[in-house]
Amino acid sequence: MFQGFWGRLFFMCQKELLATLQDKRIRFIMVMPVILQGLLFGYAASYNLEEVPYVVVDLSNSAESRDLLARMDGSPAFSRQASLGNPDEIADWIDSEQAVLGMIIPSDFAAHLSRGEAAPLEVIADGRNTSVAGQAAGYVSSLVSGWNAARSGNAGIQVVSRTWFNPNQITRWTFLPALIGMISFVQVIMLAGLSIAKEKEQGTFDQLLVTPLSPAEILIGKALPPMLIGLVQSMLLFCICYFWFQIPFSGTLGALILTDIIFMLSSTGIGLSISAMANNMQQVLVYAFVTMMPLVLLSGLATPVANMPEFLQLLTYGDPLRFAIGAIRRIYLEGAGVSAVAADYVPMLLTAAVTMPLAGWLFRHKAV
């Protein structure tokens, strides 16, 4: 029986792969969503930064340093999250995305200013989002320039800025790794969504039901090929990132593939649920695009989640794409391991745990 299960599953997957790759309409759909998303994010994405959460280590604790920090706290662009006692503590705040900037005011800050010398001010920015890091560093420079002007006659501050994970603040370093998850998300939902609806439209669905395959085997057979295609496309995009654009890969390929597979489980569940509800392929396309657009916009791919209204931030917790993009970016740019991103797997697995049984129930009750 065990051998028979795997044999039936193999032939079911083979049938689905051949049907998918031979259909010109589906090959067209495999390409167009990627182009449309590229145009949308290229022309319509907003990069405005409303608030900069930061932490500070004031080793000087002088009147000058307190005056500078008071100016920052009085600005609506900055929000101090904590005053730390050790520069090593900055890493935890930036890694957990509770702060965009970390500032270090050295102990000799006031002494440099009193001697008429340029005083160093170290600013550490989170480079996982180049737009946010660049704007935040620019805000600091602008504020410091104003503070220098107010101290007319005294020497100015020399800002020493360092961007972690993306030293040159190259935008593609942020977008292309995130698109590794985006590609699998779009393709898996579309291909899984069209699988059952296509059988209904072509009149082969009833024939499929009378085969020796159980409903569970049919669903698994329809889920695996889209995941395989999505994984191949994700790895092709990874090769483009690494070999063509030469974006340094700091993590491990195993962690990246595992994250993508877990994410595709949730995407497949969504796609199969859509497919079971739809009566034809046109309905699948409508349902899929209506479902994908909010999930994409709430994912944080183009606009940071922290910049969204609070009620939208709450909605993002139900978006598996948000956690997939965050995990893939951390693996690719930071070199984070599986243990570091394990918390991001929980929402994705929960989504799969809900949508997979839902697709099975719809398949048994509505699709027949």
Protein backbone atom coordinates (compact mmCIF):
# COMPACT_ATOMS: atom_id res chain seq x y z
CA MET A 1 0.00 0.00 0.00
CA PHE A 2 2.82 2.36 0.89
CA GLN A 3 4.51 1.72 -2.44
CA GLY A 4 1.19 2.14 -4.23
CA PHE A 5 0.62 5.52 -2.56
CA TRP A 6 3.96 6.88 -3.74
CA GLY A 7 3.49 5.42 -7.19
CA ARG A 8 0.07 7.02 -7.60
CA LEU A 9 1.42 10.28 -6.23
CA PHE A 10 4.33 10.21 -8.67
CA PHE A 11 2.09 9.76 -11.71
CA MET A 12 -0.32 12.42 -10.43
CA CYS A 13 2.53 14.91 -10.07
CA GLN A 14 3.88 13.94 -13.50
CA LYS A 15 0.46 14.55 -15.04
CA GLU A 16 0.16 17.95 -13.38
CA LEU A 17 3.65 19.06 -14.46
CA LEU A 18 3.03 18.06 -18.08
CA ALA A 19 -0.38 19.74 -18.11
CA THR A 20 1.08 22.92 -16.60
CA LEU A 21 4.11 23.26 -18.84
CA GLN A 22 2.23 22.38 -22.04
CA ASP A 23 -0.54 24.94 -21.52
CA LYS A 24 0.31 28.20 -23.31
CA ARG A 25 -2.10 30.22 -21.17
CA ILE A 26 -0.48 29.05 -17.95
CA ARG A 27 3.00 29.70 -19.34
CA PHE A 28 1.81 33.24 -20.06
CA ILE A 29 0.46 33.58 -16.51
CA MET A 30 3.78 32.37 -15.11
CA VAL A 31 5.51 35.41 -16.63
CA MET A 32 3.04 38.29 -16.55
CA PRO A 33 2.53 38.61 -12.76
CA VAL A 34 6.27 39.08 -12.31
CA ILE A 35 6.32 41.90 -14.88
CA LEU A 36 3.24 43.56 -13.41
CA GLN A 37 4.62 43.46 -9.89
CA GLY A 38 7.92 44.90 -11.07
CA LEU A 39 6.11 47.82 -12.72
CA LEU A 40 3.87 48.43 -9.72
CA PHE A 41 6.69 48.41 -7.21
CA GLY A 42 8.96 50.39 -9.50
CA TYR A 43 6.54 53.25 -10.17
CA ALA A 44 3.95 53.26 -7.38
CA ALA A 45 5.81 52.23 -4.21
CA SER A 46 6.16 54.89 -1.53
CA TYR A 47 9.47 55.35 0.24
CA ASN A 48 8.47 58.18 2.58
CA LEU A 49 9.76 57.80 6.11
CA GLU A 50 7.42 59.35 8.66
CA GLU A 51 9.23 58.42 11.88
CA VAL A 52 12.73 57.21 12.75
CA PRO A 53 12.89 55.04 15.89
CA TYR A 54 16.39 55.20 17.33
CA VAL A 55 18.45 54.26 20.36
CA VAL A 56 21.37 56.22 21.76
CA VAL A 57 24.48 55.53 23.78
CA ASP A 58 25.56 58.82 25.35
CA LEU A 59 29.07 58.18 26.67
CA SER A 60 29.70 61.91 26.95
CA ASN A 61 26.73 62.79 29.17
CA SER A 62 27.63 66.45 28.72
CA ALA A 63 25.56 69.58 28.27
CA GLU A 64 26.38 69.51 24.54
CA SER A 65 25.28 65.92 24.04
CA ARG A 66 22.09 66.48 26.04
CA ASP A 67 21.35 69.57 23.96
CA LEU A 68 21.76 67.60 20.72
CA LEU A 69 19.53 64.78 21.94
CA ALA A 70 16.92 67.27 23.13
CA ARG A 71 16.86 68.71 19.62
CA MET A 72 16.35 65.23 18.16
CA ASP A 73 13.61 64.35 20.65
CA GLY A 74 11.87 67.61 19.85
CA SER A 75 11.78 66.74 16.15
CA PRO A 76 8.68 64.84 14.92
CA ALA A 77 10.95 62.77 12.66
CA PHE A 78 12.71 61.00 15.53
CA SER A 79 11.43 58.75 18.29
CA ARG A 80 13.87 57.65 20.97
CA GLN A 81 13.21 54.04 21.97
CA ALA A 82 15.88 53.68 24.66
CA SER A 83 18.99 55.21 26.16
CA LEU A 84 21.57 52.43 26.38
CA GLY A 85 24.68 52.14 28.48
CA ASN A 86 26.78 49.99 26.15
CA PRO A 87 27.30 50.20 22.35
CA ASP A 88 27.00 46.39 22.13
CA GLU A 89 23.33 46.66 23.08
CA ILE A 90 22.52 48.47 19.82
CA ALA A 91 22.71 45.21 17.84
CA ASP A 92 19.73 43.68 19.65
CA TRP A 93 17.53 46.72 18.95
CA ILE A 94 18.39 46.83 15.25
CA ASP A 95 18.26 43.05 14.77
CA SER A 96 14.76 42.96 16.27
CA GLU A 97 13.72 45.93 14.09
CA GLN A 98 12.72 47.97 17.11
CA ALA A 99 15.10 50.71 16.00
CA VAL A 100 16.23 51.96 12.59
CA LEU A 101 19.20 53.92 13.92
CA GLY A 102 21.70 53.53 16.70
CA MET A 103 23.70 56.60 17.78
CA ILE A 104 26.93 56.59 19.77
CA ILE A 105 28.12 59.85 21.31
CA PRO A 106 31.76 59.28 22.39
CA SER A 107 33.10 60.28 25.79
CA ASP A 108 35.33 63.02 24.31
CA PHE A 109 32.45 64.63 22.42
CA ALA A 110 32.31 67.81 24.52
CA ALA A 111 36.10 68.02 24.75
CA HIS A 112 36.43 68.16 20.96
CA LEU A 113 33.84 70.88 20.72
CA SER A 114 35.43 72.95 23.49
CA ARG A 115 38.76 72.87 21.63
CA GLY A 116 37.09 74.00 18.43
CA GLU A 117 37.55 70.62 16.76
CA ALA A 118 35.06 68.50 14.85
CA ALA A 119 33.39 66.08 17.23
CA PRO A 120 32.60 62.56 15.94
CA LEU A 121 29.07 61.21 16.14
CA GLU A 122 28.64 57.58 15.10
CA VAL A 123 25.34 56.64 13.45
CA ILE A 124 24.53 52.98 12.74
CA ALA A 125 21.66 52.40 10.30
CA ASP A 126 19.69 49.25 9.46
CA GLY A 127 20.57 48.60 5.80
CA ARG A 128 18.06 45.79 5.24
CA ASN A 129 15.83 48.52 3.83
CA THR A 130 18.06 50.89 1.89
CA SER A 131 15.39 53.54 1.45
CA VAL A 132 14.72 53.75 5.17
CA ALA A 133 18.42 53.70 6.07
CA GLY A 134 19.30 56.42 3.57
CA GLN A 135 16.47 58.70 4.61
CA ALA A 136 17.11 58.17 8.32
CA ALA A 137 20.81 59.00 7.95
CA GLY A 138 19.84 62.04 5.89
CA TYR A 139 17.51 63.21 8.64
CA VAL A 140 20.33 62.97 11.17
CA SER A 141 22.68 64.94 8.93
CA SER A 142 20.05 67.62 8.40
CA LEU A 143 19.34 67.92 12.11
CA VAL A 144 23.04 68.06 12.98
CA SER A 145 23.58 70.77 10.38
CA GLY A 146 20.84 72.83 12.03
CA TRP A 147 22.35 72.24 15.43
CA ASN A 148 25.75 73.34 14.16
CA ALA A 149 24.23 76.51 12.73
CA ALA A 150 22.62 77.27 16.10
CA ARG A 151 26.06 76.95 17.70
CA SER A 152 27.51 79.67 15.51
CA GLY A 153 31.18 80.23 16.13
CA ASN A 154 31.85 76.71 17.41
CA ALA A 155 33.19 73.75 15.49
CA GLY A 156 30.68 71.43 13.86
CA ILE A 157 30.05 67.72 14.32
CA GLN A 158 31.52 65.17 11.95
CA VAL A 159 28.91 62.43 11.37
CA VAL A 160 30.43 58.99 10.85
CA SER A 161 27.62 56.83 9.40
CA ARG A 162 27.74 53.08 8.97
CA THR A 163 25.00 51.04 7.28
CA TRP A 164 24.79 47.45 8.39
CA PHE A 165 24.06 44.59 5.96
CA ASN A 166 24.13 46.93 2.94
CA PRO A 167 27.15 49.27 3.19
CA ASN A 168 26.53 51.17 -0.05
CA GLN A 169 22.74 51.35 0.41
CA ILE A 170 22.09 49.77 -3.00
CA THR A 171 18.33 49.42 -3.51
CA ARG A 172 18.49 46.13 -5.42
CA TRP A 173 20.18 44.52 -2.41
CA THR A 174 16.91 44.99 -0.56
CA PHE A 175 14.39 44.27 -3.32
CA LEU A 176 15.89 41.27 -5.13
CA PRO A 177 16.27 38.98 -2.09
CA ALA A 178 12.68 39.82 -1.12
CA LEU A 179 11.52 38.93 -4.63
CA ILE A 180 12.80 35.38 -4.05
CA GLY A 181 9.81 34.93 -1.77
CA MET A 182 7.54 37.05 -3.94
CA ILE A 183 8.16 34.93 -7.04
CA SER A 184 7.23 31.70 -5.28
CA PHE A 185 4.20 33.39 -3.70
CA VAL A 186 2.72 34.57 -7.00
CA GLN A 187 3.51 31.49 -9.03
CA VAL A 188 2.39 28.94 -6.45
CA ILE A 189 -0.94 30.67 -5.80
CA MET A 190 -1.64 31.03 -9.52
CA LEU A 191 -0.62 27.51 -10.49
CA ALA A 192 -2.31 25.84 -7.51
CA GLY A 193 -5.37 28.02 -8.05
CA LEU A 194 -5.72 27.01 -11.68
CA SER A 195 -5.20 23.29 -11.11
CA ILE A 196 -8.69 22.17 -10.02
CA ALA A 197 -10.51 24.89 -11.97
CA LYS A 198 -8.77 23.79 -15.14
CA GLU A 199 -9.98 20.21 -14.63
CA LYS A 200 -13.56 21.50 -14.25
CA GLU A 201 -13.31 23.71 -17.33
CA GLN A 202 -11.89 20.93 -19.52
CA GLY A 203 -14.43 18.38 -18.27
CA THR A 204 -11.82 16.00 -16.83
CA PHE A 205 -12.62 16.62 -13.18
CA ASP A 206 -15.25 13.85 -12.99
CA GLN A 207 -12.81 11.42 -14.58
CA LEU A 208 -10.25 12.33 -11.94
CA LEU A 209 -12.72 11.55 -9.16
CA VAL A 210 -13.32 7.98 -10.38
CA THR A 211 -9.63 7.11 -10.47
CA PRO A 212 -8.11 5.00 -7.64
CA LEU A 213 -6.71 8.23 -6.17
CA SER A 214 -8.15 9.41 -2.88
CA PRO A 215 -9.09 13.11 -2.43
CA ALA A 216 -5.99 13.55 -0.24
CA GLU A 217 -3.75 12.07 -2.93
CA ILE A 218 -5.30 14.32 -5.56
CA LEU A 219 -4.72 17.41 -3.43
CA ILE A 220 -1.12 16.45 -2.63
CA GLY A 221 -0.51 15.67 -6.29
CA LYS A 222 -1.83 19.09 -7.26
CA ALA A 223 0.12 20.85 -4.51
CA LEU A 224 3.61 19.46 -5.16
CA PRO A 225 4.12 20.54 -8.82
CA PRO A 226 3.37 24.25 -8.16
CA MET A 227 5.74 24.13 -5.19
CA LEU A 228 8.43 22.52 -7.34
CA ILE A 229 8.01 25.14 -10.07
CA GLY A 230 7.99 27.93 -7.48
CA LEU A 231 11.17 26.58 -5.89
CA VAL A 232 12.94 26.39 -9.26
CA GLN A 233 11.95 29.98 -10.06
CA SER A 234 13.10 31.13 -6.63
CA MET A 235 16.47 29.48 -7.13
CA LEU A 236 16.81 31.03 -10.58
CA LEU A 237 16.19 34.44 -9.05
CA PHE A 238 18.73 33.60 -6.35
CA CYS A 239 21.29 32.88 -9.08
CA ILE A 240 20.49 36.23 -10.70
CA CYS A 241 20.98 37.99 -7.36
CA TYR A 242 24.22 36.23 -6.56
CA PHE A 243 25.96 35.76 -9.93
CA TRP A 244 24.58 38.54 -12.14
CA PHE A 245 24.13 41.39 -9.66
CA GLN A 246 26.80 40.00 -7.30
CA ILE A 247 24.78 40.65 -4.16
CA PRO A 248 26.76 38.95 -1.35
CA PHE A 249 24.94 35.98 0.16
CA SER A 250 25.68 35.81 3.87
CA GLY A 251 23.45 32.91 4.87
CA THR A 252 23.19 29.23 3.99
CA LEU A 253 21.35 27.83 0.99
CA GLY A 254 19.69 25.20 3.15
CA ALA A 255 18.09 27.81 5.41
CA LEU A 256 16.90 29.76 2.37
CA ILE A 257 15.35 26.71 0.69
CA LEU A 258 13.70 25.55 3.93
CA THR A 259 12.16 28.99 4.45
CA ASP A 260 10.88 29.08 0.87
CA ILE A 261 9.37 25.60 1.12
CA ILE A 262 7.56 26.40 4.39
CA PHE A 263 6.25 29.61 2.85
CA MET A 264 5.09 27.78 -0.28
CA LEU A 265 3.04 25.41 1.87
CA SER A 266 0.92 28.34 3.02
CA SER A 267 0.75 29.75 -0.52
CA THR A 268 -0.33 26.39 -1.92
CA GLY A 269 -3.10 26.13 0.66
CA ILE A 270 -4.40 29.55 -0.36
CA GLY A 271 -4.23 28.66 -4.05
CA LEU A 272 -5.98 25.31 -3.66
CA SER A 273 -8.73 26.90 -1.57
CA ILE A 274 -9.30 29.46 -4.32
CA SER A 275 -9.30 26.73 -6.95
CA ALA A 276 -11.84 24.62 -5.08
CA MET A 277 -14.20 27.61 -4.73
CA ALA A 278 -13.95 28.74 -8.35
CA ASN A 279 -15.97 27.21 -11.17
CA ASN A 280 -13.61 28.19 -13.99
CA MET A 281 -10.17 29.64 -14.66
CA GLN A 282 -11.45 33.20 -15.10
CA GLN A 283 -12.86 33.15 -11.59
CA VAL A 284 -9.56 31.86 -10.27
CA LEU A 285 -7.71 34.79 -11.84
CA VAL A 286 -10.10 37.29 -10.25
CA TYR A 287 -9.98 35.63 -6.82
CA ALA A 288 -6.20 35.28 -6.97
CA PHE A 289 -5.48 38.90 -7.86
CA VAL A 290 -7.98 40.18 -5.30
CA THR A 291 -6.26 38.02 -2.67
CA MET A 292 -2.68 38.72 -3.68
CA MET A 293 -2.73 42.50 -3.97
CA PRO A 294 -3.57 43.22 -0.30
CA LEU A 295 -1.10 40.56 0.84
CA VAL A 296 1.66 42.09 -1.30
CA LEU A 297 0.97 45.65 -0.16
CA LEU A 298 0.89 44.59 3.50
CA SER A 299 4.03 42.47 3.23
CA GLY A 300 6.52 45.29 3.74
CA LEU A 301 8.22 44.63 0.40
CA ALA A 302 8.09 48.27 -0.71
CA THR A 303 6.72 50.17 2.28
CA PRO A 304 8.02 49.34 5.77
CA VAL A 305 5.36 47.86 8.04
CA ALA A 306 6.35 50.34 10.77
CA ASN A 307 5.22 53.22 8.53
CA MET A 308 1.72 51.81 8.05
CA PRO A 309 -1.27 52.90 10.16
CA GLU A 310 -1.62 50.88 13.33
CA PHE A 311 -4.74 48.99 12.21
CA LEU A 312 -2.94 47.90 9.02
CA GLN A 313 0.05 46.79 11.06
CA LEU A 314 -2.27 44.47 12.95
CA LEU A 315 -3.56 43.02 9.66
CA THR A 316 -0.01 42.19 8.55
CA TYR A 317 0.18 39.49 11.24
CA GLY A 318 -2.23 37.46 9.09
CA ASP A 319 -0.03 37.87 6.00
CA PRO A 320 2.46 34.99 5.58
CA LEU A 321 4.30 36.97 2.89
CA ARG A 322 5.36 39.55 5.48
CA PHE A 323 7.17 36.91 7.53
CA ALA A 324 8.62 35.15 4.48
CA ILE A 325 10.15 38.36 3.14
CA GLY A 326 11.53 39.25 6.57
CA ALA A 327 13.07 35.81 7.02
CA ILE A 328 14.56 35.66 3.50
CA ARG A 329 16.07 39.13 3.82
CA ARG A 330 17.64 38.22 7.15
CA ILE A 331 19.05 34.96 5.78
CA TYR A 332 20.39 36.57 2.61
CA LEU A 333 21.75 39.85 3.97
CA GLU A 334 22.46 39.13 7.64
CA GLY A 335 23.46 35.48 7.43
CA ALA A 336 20.74 34.52 9.94
CA GLY A 337 20.32 30.82 10.60
CA VAL A 338 17.17 28.73 10.92
CA SER A 339 17.03 29.28 14.69
CA ALA A 340 17.14 33.06 14.22
CA VAL A 341 14.15 33.11 11.85
CA ALA A 342 12.21 30.21 13.40
CA ALA A 343 9.64 32.60 14.85
CA ASP A 344 8.75 33.69 11.29
CA TYR A 345 7.87 30.08 10.43
CA VAL A 346 5.01 29.99 12.94
CA PRO A 347 2.59 32.32 11.04
CA MET A 348 3.40 30.56 7.77
CA LEU A 349 2.76 27.12 9.24
CA LEU A 350 -0.44 28.34 10.89
CA THR A 351 -1.66 29.63 7.52
CA ALA A 352 -0.89 26.26 5.95
CA ALA A 353 -2.60 24.46 8.82
CA VAL A 354 -5.79 26.44 8.14
CA THR A 355 -5.82 26.62 4.34
CA MET A 356 -4.80 23.03 3.56
CA PRO A 357 -7.71 21.43 5.49
CA LEU A 358 -10.00 24.14 4.11
CA ALA A 359 -8.98 23.22 0.57
CA GLY A 360 -9.61 19.54 1.35
CA TRP A 361 -13.05 20.30 2.77
CA LEU A 362 -13.99 22.48 -0.21
CA PHE A 363 -12.69 19.82 -2.55
CA ARG A 364 -14.91 17.13 -0.99
CA HIS A 365 -18.05 19.23 -0.47
CA LYS A 366 -18.16 22.00 -3.03
CA ALA A 367 -16.00 20.86 -5.89
CA VAL A 368 -17.89 17.60 -6.48
